[in-house]
Amino acid sequence: MNEQVRQLAYEMRLIGMHQNFESRSSEAVKSGLHPLQFLNFLLQDEKHY
């Protein structure tokens, strides 16, 4: 599933999300982040790309 999300982000030209998805998802699982916080981090990555 991770690869599908990364591919979709790439196709949608969400390069910041594409580049950081693996590290952000690992961080979210390890620390038990709320899904909305995880999404917030991904959106911030995209904004700062």
N, C-alpha and C. Protein backbone atom coordinates (compact mmCIF):
# COMPACT_ATOMS: atom_id res chain seq x y z
N MET A 1 0.81 -1.19 0.00
CA MET A 1 0.00 0.00 0.00
C MET A 1 0.86 1.27 0.00
N ASN A 2 1.97 1.25 0.73
CA ASN A 2 2.84 2.42 0.75
C ASN A 2 3.29 2.81 -0.64
N GLU A 3 3.63 1.84 -1.44
CA GLU A 3 4.10 2.13 -2.80
C GLU A 3 2.98 2.74 -3.64
N GLN A 4 1.76 2.28 -3.43
CA GLN A 4 0.62 2.84 -4.17
C GLN A 4 0.43 4.32 -3.81
N VAL A 5 0.55 4.63 -2.53
CA VAL A 5 0.40 6.02 -2.08
C VAL A 5 1.52 6.88 -2.65
N ARG A 6 2.75 6.39 -2.59
CA ARG A 6 3.88 7.14 -3.13
C ARG A 6 3.72 7.37 -4.63
N GLN A 7 3.27 6.35 -5.35
CA GLN A 7 3.08 6.48 -6.80
C GLN A 7 1.98 7.49 -7.11
N LEU A 8 0.90 7.44 -6.37
CA LEU A 8 -0.19 8.40 -6.58
C LEU A 8 0.28 9.83 -6.30
N ALA A 9 1.02 10.01 -5.23
CA ALA A 9 1.55 11.34 -4.91
C ALA A 9 2.44 11.83 -6.05
N TYR A 10 3.26 10.95 -6.58
CA TYR A 10 4.15 11.31 -7.70
C TYR A 10 3.33 11.70 -8.93
N GLU A 11 2.33 10.90 -9.26
CA GLU A 11 1.50 11.18 -10.43
C GLU A 11 0.75 12.50 -10.28
N MET A 12 0.41 12.85 -9.05
CA MET A 12 -0.30 14.11 -8.80
C MET A 12 0.66 15.28 -8.60
N ARG A 13 1.95 14.98 -8.80
CA ARG A 13 3.01 15.98 -8.66
C ARG A 13 3.11 16.53 -7.24
N LEU A 14 2.84 15.68 -6.27
CA LEU A 14 3.00 16.03 -4.86
C LEU A 14 4.37 15.50 -4.43
N ILE A 15 5.40 16.13 -4.93
CA ILE A 15 6.75 15.63 -4.80
C ILE A 15 7.22 15.62 -3.34
N GLY A 16 6.85 16.65 -2.57
CA GLY A 16 7.23 16.68 -1.16
C GLY A 16 6.68 15.48 -0.41
N MET A 17 5.42 15.15 -0.68
CA MET A 17 4.80 13.97 -0.05
C MET A 17 5.48 12.69 -0.55
N HIS A 18 5.71 12.65 -1.84
CA HIS A 18 6.33 11.46 -2.44
C HIS A 18 7.70 11.18 -1.81
N GLN A 19 8.50 12.21 -1.65
CA GLN A 19 9.85 12.03 -1.12
C GLN A 19 9.87 11.65 0.35
N ASN A 20 8.92 12.12 1.13
CA ASN A 20 8.97 11.93 2.58
C ASN A 20 8.00 10.89 3.12
N PHE A 21 7.23 10.26 2.26
CA PHE A 21 6.19 9.35 2.73
C PHE A 21 6.73 8.20 3.56
N GLU A 22 7.78 7.56 3.09
CA GLU A 22 8.31 6.39 3.82
C GLU A 22 8.77 6.76 5.23
N SER A 23 9.54 7.83 5.34
CA SER A 23 10.03 8.22 6.66
C SER A 23 8.89 8.68 7.56
N ARG A 24 7.95 9.42 7.00
CA ARG A 24 6.81 9.89 7.80
C ARG A 24 5.93 8.73 8.25
N SER A 25 5.71 7.77 7.38
CA SER A 25 4.86 6.64 7.77
C SER A 25 5.53 5.78 8.83
N SER A 26 6.84 5.57 8.72
CA SER A 26 7.56 4.83 9.76
C SER A 26 7.50 5.56 11.09
N GLU A 27 7.70 6.86 11.05
CA GLU A 27 7.62 7.69 12.26
C GLU A 27 6.23 7.60 12.89
N ALA A 28 5.20 7.64 12.05
CA ALA A 28 3.82 7.59 12.55
C ALA A 28 3.53 6.27 13.24
N VAL A 29 3.98 5.17 12.66
CA VAL A 29 3.75 3.86 13.26
C VAL A 29 4.50 3.73 14.58
N LYS A 30 5.77 4.13 14.59
CA LYS A 30 6.59 4.00 15.79
C LYS A 30 6.06 4.83 16.95
N SER A 31 5.58 6.04 16.66
CA SER A 31 5.15 6.94 17.73
C SER A 31 3.64 6.95 17.96
N GLY A 32 2.91 6.19 17.17
CA GLY A 32 1.46 6.11 17.34
C GLY A 32 0.75 7.42 17.04
N LEU A 33 1.21 8.11 15.99
CA LEU A 33 0.59 9.38 15.62
C LEU A 33 -0.87 9.20 15.22
N HIS A 34 -1.66 10.18 15.56
CA HIS A 34 -3.05 10.22 15.10
C HIS A 34 -3.02 10.42 13.58
N PRO A 35 -3.92 9.80 12.84
CA PRO A 35 -3.91 9.93 11.38
C PRO A 35 -3.94 11.38 10.88
N LEU A 36 -4.65 12.24 11.58
CA LEU A 36 -4.68 13.64 11.14
C LEU A 36 -3.34 14.33 11.34
N GLN A 37 -2.62 13.95 12.38
CA GLN A 37 -1.28 14.51 12.58
C GLN A 37 -0.33 14.02 11.49
N PHE A 38 -0.46 12.77 11.13
CA PHE A 38 0.33 12.21 10.04
C PHE A 38 0.05 12.98 8.74
N LEU A 39 -1.23 13.19 8.45
CA LEU A 39 -1.60 13.95 7.26
C LEU A 39 -1.05 15.37 7.33
N ASN A 40 -1.13 15.98 8.49
CA ASN A 40 -0.60 17.33 8.67
C ASN A 40 0.89 17.38 8.33
N PHE A 41 1.65 16.41 8.80
CA PHE A 41 3.08 16.38 8.49
C PHE A 41 3.32 16.24 6.99
N LEU A 42 2.56 15.38 6.33
CA LEU A 42 2.72 15.21 4.89
C LEU A 42 2.38 16.50 4.14
N LEU A 43 1.33 17.17 4.55
CA LEU A 43 0.96 18.42 3.90
C LEU A 43 2.01 19.50 4.13
N GLN A 44 2.60 19.53 5.30
CA GLN A 44 3.68 20.46 5.57
C GLN A 44 4.89 20.16 4.69
N ASP A 45 5.19 18.88 4.52
CA ASP A 45 6.30 18.48 3.64
C ASP A 45 6.05 18.99 2.23
N GLU A 46 4.82 18.87 1.77
CA GLU A 46 4.50 19.32 0.42
C GLU A 46 4.61 20.84 0.32
N LYS A 47 4.13 21.53 1.32
CA LYS A 47 4.18 22.99 1.32
C LYS A 47 5.61 23.49 1.27
N HIS A 48 6.51 22.82 2.00
CA HIS A 48 7.89 23.26 2.10
C HIS A 48 8.79 22.70 1.01
N TYR A 49 8.22 21.92 0.09
CA TYR A 49 9.03 21.35 -0.98
C TYR A 49 9.55 22.39 -1.88
